[in-house]
Amino acid sequence: MPSLPLDDENLPLFTVGQVSQMLEIQQAFLRRLDQLGVVSPDRSAGNQRRYTRREITVVRYVVDLVDEGMTLAAVRRVLELEALVRDLRAELDALRAAVAERDARLAELSAEPPGRRGSALSPRADECESATHGRAPNSQPRAGHPGESGAPGRGR
């Protein structure tokens, strides 16, 4: 069944007069919220403000905060901080998911037999080992030291 326009909470349907009547507030208060950037409703073709259901919910919350004694500047700061907290929580959730994925992968790798671990960690690990003959990739043998190629070593 197709959704109705009223089902979309982000659709700008409501005029300043309708919102002020719904929330029992002055139209001037709504215009002031727009001027301060607390709520920024879309504009119609005739340049009239149109509020979404989501914006009406924010305005209702702002009215409650103002009724508790907060200034509009303080309300705007509260809304900014709440948005920041939401963003940080989303980032934290994403990081936790990435860590869990990494931990699962590490558990898989540690459960593999030792002969397969190197190739699972890095597809080029076998190439590096064979190219360096077991040495670290950029290490050079030093002549004169026991156990390394070059001149025979002398004990001190």
C-alpha atoms as a PDB file:
ATOM      1  CA  MET A   1       0.000   0.000   0.000  1.00  0.00           C
ATOM      2  CA  PRO A   2       1.506   3.403  -0.944  1.00  0.00           C
ATOM      3  CA  SER A   3       2.341   5.733   1.909  1.00  0.00           C
ATOM      4  CA  LEU A   4       0.464   8.963   2.401  1.00  0.00           C
ATOM      5  CA  PRO A   5       2.180  12.362   2.489  1.00  0.00           C
ATOM      6  CA  LEU A   6       1.257  12.638   6.174  1.00  0.00           C
ATOM      7  CA  ASP A   7       3.324   9.500   6.865  1.00  0.00           C
ATOM      8  CA  ASP A   8       6.544  11.298   5.894  1.00  0.00           C
ATOM      9  CA  GLU A   9       7.793  13.174   8.949  1.00  0.00           C
ATOM     10  CA  ASN A  10      10.234  15.159   6.776  1.00  0.00           C
ATOM     11  CA  LEU A  11       7.662  16.530   4.353  1.00  0.00           C
ATOM     12  CA  PRO A  12       7.116  20.296   4.828  1.00  0.00           C
ATOM     13  CA  LEU A  13       3.337  20.546   5.064  1.00  0.00           C
ATOM     14  CA  PHE A  14       2.435  22.855   7.928  1.00  0.00           C
ATOM     15  CA  THR A  15       2.259  26.657   7.827  1.00  0.00           C
ATOM     16  CA  VAL A  16       3.300  29.032  10.603  1.00  0.00           C
ATOM     17  CA  GLY A  17      -0.354  29.580  11.483  1.00  0.00           C
ATOM     18  CA  GLN A  18      -1.072  25.856  11.722  1.00  0.00           C
ATOM     19  CA  VAL A  19       1.981  25.166  13.894  1.00  0.00           C
ATOM     20  CA  SER A  20       1.323  28.115  16.194  1.00  0.00           C
ATOM     21  CA  GLN A  21      -2.256  26.925  16.651  1.00  0.00           C
ATOM     22  CA  MET A  22      -1.214  23.293  17.260  1.00  0.00           C
ATOM     23  CA  LEU A  23       1.377  24.233  19.890  1.00  0.00           C
ATOM     24  CA  GLU A  24      -0.481  27.262  21.269  1.00  0.00           C
ATOM     25  CA  ILE A  25       2.461  29.618  20.679  1.00  0.00           C
ATOM     26  CA  GLN A  26       2.836  32.958  18.945  1.00  0.00           C
ATOM     27  CA  GLN A  27       3.734  33.055  15.237  1.00  0.00           C
ATOM     28  CA  ALA A  28       6.421  35.607  16.109  1.00  0.00           C
ATOM     29  CA  PHE A  29       8.089  32.964  18.316  1.00  0.00           C
ATOM     30  CA  LEU A  30       8.284  30.583  15.329  1.00  0.00           C
ATOM     31  CA  ARG A  31       9.777  33.318  13.166  1.00  0.00           C
ATOM     32  CA  ARG A  32      12.328  34.070  15.903  1.00  0.00           C
ATOM     33  CA  LEU A  33      13.341  30.384  16.043  1.00  0.00           C
ATOM     34  CA  ASP A  34      13.914  30.528  12.299  1.00  0.00           C
ATOM     35  CA  GLN A  35      15.964  33.748  12.574  1.00  0.00           C
ATOM     36  CA  LEU A  36      18.186  32.172  15.242  1.00  0.00           C
ATOM     37  CA  GLY A  37      18.593  28.965  13.222  1.00  0.00           C
ATOM     38  CA  VAL A  38      17.032  26.820  15.942  1.00  0.00           C
ATOM     39  CA  VAL A  39      14.563  25.467  13.387  1.00  0.00           C
ATOM     40  CA  SER A  40      14.920  26.214   9.680  1.00  0.00           C
ATOM     41  CA  PRO A  41      11.706  25.332   7.875  1.00  0.00           C
ATOM     42  CA  ASP A  42      11.542  25.029   4.092  1.00  0.00           C
ATOM     43  CA  ARG A  43       9.842  27.739   2.081  1.00  0.00           C
ATOM     44  CA  SER A  44       6.915  27.318  -0.289  1.00  0.00           C
ATOM     45  CA  ALA A  45       6.821  28.773  -3.798  1.00  0.00           C
ATOM     46  CA  GLY A  46       5.193  31.839  -2.221  1.00  0.00           C
ATOM     47  CA  ASN A  47       8.109  32.093   0.295  1.00  0.00           C
ATOM     48  CA  GLN A  48       5.985  30.958   3.247  1.00  0.00           C
ATOM     49  CA  ARG A  49       7.557  28.817   5.943  1.00  0.00           C
ATOM     50  CA  ARG A  50       6.512  25.153   5.836  1.00  0.00           C
ATOM     51  CA  TYR A  51       7.218  22.947   8.834  1.00  0.00           C
ATOM     52  CA  THR A  52       7.721  19.190   8.901  1.00  0.00           C
ATOM     53  CA  ARG A  53       6.421  16.939  11.652  1.00  0.00           C
ATOM     54  CA  ARG A  54      10.028  16.502  12.799  1.00  0.00           C
ATOM     55  CA  GLU A  55      10.482  20.294  13.050  1.00  0.00           C
ATOM     56  CA  ILE A  56       7.230  20.594  14.986  1.00  0.00           C
ATOM     57  CA  THR A  57       8.589  18.061  17.483  1.00  0.00           C
ATOM     58  CA  VAL A  58      11.756  20.164  17.848  1.00  0.00           C
ATOM     59  CA  VAL A  59       9.688  23.339  18.336  1.00  0.00           C
ATOM     60  CA  ARG A  60       7.637  21.581  21.044  1.00  0.00           C
ATOM     61  CA  TYR A  61      10.913  20.575  22.771  1.00  0.00           C
ATOM     62  CA  VAL A  62      12.207  24.161  22.491  1.00  0.00           C
ATOM     63  CA  VAL A  63       8.991  25.483  24.025  1.00  0.00           C
ATOM     64  CA  ASP A  64       9.436  23.089  26.959  1.00  0.00           C
ATOM     65  CA  LEU A  65      13.055  24.224  27.474  1.00  0.00           C
ATOM     66  CA  VAL A  66      12.070  27.907  27.310  1.00  0.00           C
ATOM     67  CA  ASP A  67       9.259  27.248  29.788  1.00  0.00           C
ATOM     68  CA  GLU A  68      11.911  25.822  32.141  1.00  0.00           C
ATOM     69  CA  GLY A  69      13.781  29.151  31.965  1.00  0.00           C
ATOM     70  CA  MET A  70      16.356  28.637  29.211  1.00  0.00           C
ATOM     71  CA  THR A  71      17.170  31.422  26.775  1.00  0.00           C
ATOM     72  CA  LEU A  72      16.943  30.772  23.035  1.00  0.00           C
ATOM     73  CA  ALA A  73      20.732  30.997  22.784  1.00  0.00           C
ATOM     74  CA  ALA A  74      21.014  28.315  25.474  1.00  0.00           C
ATOM     75  CA  VAL A  75      18.392  26.196  23.695  1.00  0.00           C
ATOM     76  CA  ARG A  76      20.325  26.437  20.445  1.00  0.00           C
ATOM     77  CA  ARG A  77      23.499  25.329  22.251  1.00  0.00           C
ATOM     78  CA  VAL A  78      21.647  22.401  23.857  1.00  0.00           C
ATOM     79  CA  LEU A  79      20.399  21.297  20.424  1.00  0.00           C
ATOM     80  CA  GLU A  80      23.932  21.575  18.977  1.00  0.00           C
ATOM     81  CA  LEU A  81      25.391  19.519  21.807  1.00  0.00           C
ATOM     82  CA  GLU A  82      22.666  16.886  21.494  1.00  0.00           C
ATOM     83  CA  ALA A  83      23.429  16.601  17.770  1.00  0.00           C
ATOM     84  CA  LEU A  84      27.128  16.258  18.569  1.00  0.00           C
ATOM     85  CA  VAL A  85      26.404  13.503  21.083  1.00  0.00           C
ATOM     86  CA  ARG A  86      24.299  11.664  18.468  1.00  0.00           C
ATOM     87  CA  ASP A  87      27.141  11.920  15.933  1.00  0.00           C
ATOM     88  CA  LEU A  88      29.716  10.754  18.463  1.00  0.00           C
ATOM     89  CA  ARG A  89      27.536   7.808  19.492  1.00  0.00           C
ATOM     90  CA  ALA A  90      27.170   6.787  15.850  1.00  0.00           C
ATOM     91  CA  GLU A  91      30.941   7.035  15.399  1.00  0.00           C
ATOM     92  CA  LEU A  92      31.495   5.015  18.575  1.00  0.00           C
ATOM     93  CA  ASP A  93      29.086   2.333  17.353  1.00  0.00           C
ATOM     94  CA  ALA A  94      30.922   2.142  14.031  1.00  0.00           C
ATOM     95  CA  LEU A  95      34.282   1.871  15.798  1.00  0.00           C
ATOM     96  CA  ARG A  96      32.974  -0.834  18.119  1.00  0.00           C
ATOM     97  CA  ALA A  97      31.713  -2.785  15.108  1.00  0.00           C
ATOM     98  CA  ALA A  98      35.104  -2.438  13.399  1.00  0.00           C
ATOM     99  CA  VAL A  99      36.905  -3.648  16.536  1.00  0.00           C
ATOM    100  CA  ALA A 100      34.538  -6.600  16.870  1.00  0.00           C
ATOM    101  CA  GLU A 101      35.153  -7.476  13.213  1.00  0.00           C
ATOM    102  CA  ARG A 102      38.913  -7.213  13.730  1.00  0.00           C
ATOM    103  CA  ASP A 103      38.737  -9.352  16.890  1.00  0.00           C
ATOM    104  CA  ALA A 104      36.712 -11.994  15.046  1.00  0.00           C
ATOM    105  CA  ARG A 105      39.258 -12.035  12.236  1.00  0.00           C
ATOM    106  CA  LEU A 106      42.136 -12.338  14.716  1.00  0.00           C
ATOM    107  CA  ALA A 107      40.349 -15.236  16.410  1.00  0.00           C
ATOM    108  CA  GLU A 108      39.971 -16.942  13.029  1.00  0.00           C
ATOM    109  CA  LEU A 109      43.646 -16.432  12.251  1.00  0.00           C
ATOM    110  CA  SER A 110      44.843 -17.692  15.623  1.00  0.00           C
ATOM    111  CA  ALA A 111      42.728 -20.854  15.157  1.00  0.00           C
ATOM    112  CA  GLU A 112      44.434 -21.676  11.837  1.00  0.00           C
ATOM    113  CA  PRO A 113      47.375 -24.101  11.742  1.00  0.00           C
ATOM    114  CA  PRO A 114      50.780 -22.374  12.008  1.00  0.00           C
ATOM    115  CA  GLY A 115      51.726 -23.121   8.391  1.00  0.00           C
ATOM    116  CA  ARG A 116      48.741 -21.140   7.076  1.00  0.00           C
ATOM    117  CA  ARG A 117      48.996 -18.112   9.338  1.00  0.00           C
ATOM    118  CA  GLY A 118      51.619 -16.233   7.353  1.00  0.00           C
ATOM    119  CA  SER A 119      49.733 -16.493   4.107  1.00  0.00           C
ATOM    120  CA  ALA A 120      46.461 -15.539   5.752  1.00  0.00           C
ATOM    121  CA  LEU A 121      47.959 -12.434   7.332  1.00  0.00           C
ATOM    122  CA  SER A 122      49.693 -11.273   4.195  1.00  0.00           C
ATOM    123  CA  PRO A 123      49.506 -12.838   0.745  1.00  0.00           C
ATOM    124  CA  ARG A 124      53.054 -11.634   0.082  1.00  0.00           C
ATOM    125  CA  ALA A 125      54.554 -13.015   3.295  1.00  0.00           C
ATOM    126  CA  ASP A 126      55.815 -16.165   1.550  1.00  0.00           C
ATOM    127  CA  GLU A 127      57.350 -14.062  -1.218  1.00  0.00           C
ATOM    128  CA  CYS A 128      59.138 -11.836   1.292  1.00  0.00           C
ATOM    129  CA  GLU A 129      60.497 -14.786   3.238  1.00  0.00           C
ATOM    130  CA  SER A 130      61.805 -16.573   0.157  1.00  0.00           C
ATOM    131  CA  ALA A 131      63.322 -13.383  -1.273  1.00  0.00           C
ATOM    132  CA  THR A 132      65.180 -12.570   1.943  1.00  0.00           C
ATOM    133  CA  HIS A 133      66.123 -16.170   2.755  1.00  0.00           C
ATOM    134  CA  GLY A 134      64.610 -15.932   6.209  1.00  0.00           C
ATOM    135  CA  ARG A 135      66.165 -12.535   7.108  1.00  0.00           C
ATOM    136  CA  ALA A 136      64.178  -9.419   7.776  1.00  0.00           C
ATOM    137  CA  PRO A 137      63.411  -7.824   4.367  1.00  0.00           C
ATOM    138  CA  ASN A 138      65.877  -4.906   4.520  1.00  0.00           C
ATOM    139  CA  SER A 139      68.592  -6.395   6.702  1.00  0.00           C
ATOM    140  CA  GLN A 140      72.027  -6.903   5.210  1.00  0.00           C
ATOM    141  CA  PRO A 141      74.519  -9.463   6.502  1.00  0.00           C
ATOM    142  CA  ARG A 142      77.496  -7.897   8.215  1.00  0.00           C
ATOM    143  CA  ALA A 143      80.885  -9.321   7.376  1.00  0.00           C
ATOM    144  CA  GLY A 144      83.004 -10.613  10.195  1.00  0.00           C
ATOM    145  CA  HIS A 145      80.235 -11.695  12.573  1.00  0.00           C
ATOM    146  CA  PRO A 146      79.815 -15.348  13.463  1.00  0.00           C
ATOM    147  CA  GLY A 147      76.972 -17.140  11.766  1.00  0.00           C
ATOM    148  CA  GLU A 148      76.605 -14.674   8.927  1.00  0.00           C
ATOM    149  CA  SER A 149      77.945 -14.753   5.434  1.00  0.00           C
ATOM    150  CA  GLY A 150      81.151 -12.894   4.682  1.00  0.00           C
ATOM    151  CA  ALA A 151      84.569 -13.269   6.209  1.00  0.00           C
ATOM    152  CA  PRO A 152      84.928 -15.865   8.919  1.00  0.00           C
ATOM    153  CA  GLY A 153      84.299 -14.390  12.317  1.00  0.00           C
ATOM    154  CA  ARG A 154      86.842 -14.110  15.052  1.00  0.00           C
ATOM    155  CA  GLY A 155      85.851 -14.556  18.629  1.00  0.00           C
ATOM    156  CA  ARG A 156      86.803 -11.821  21.032  1.00  0.00           C
END
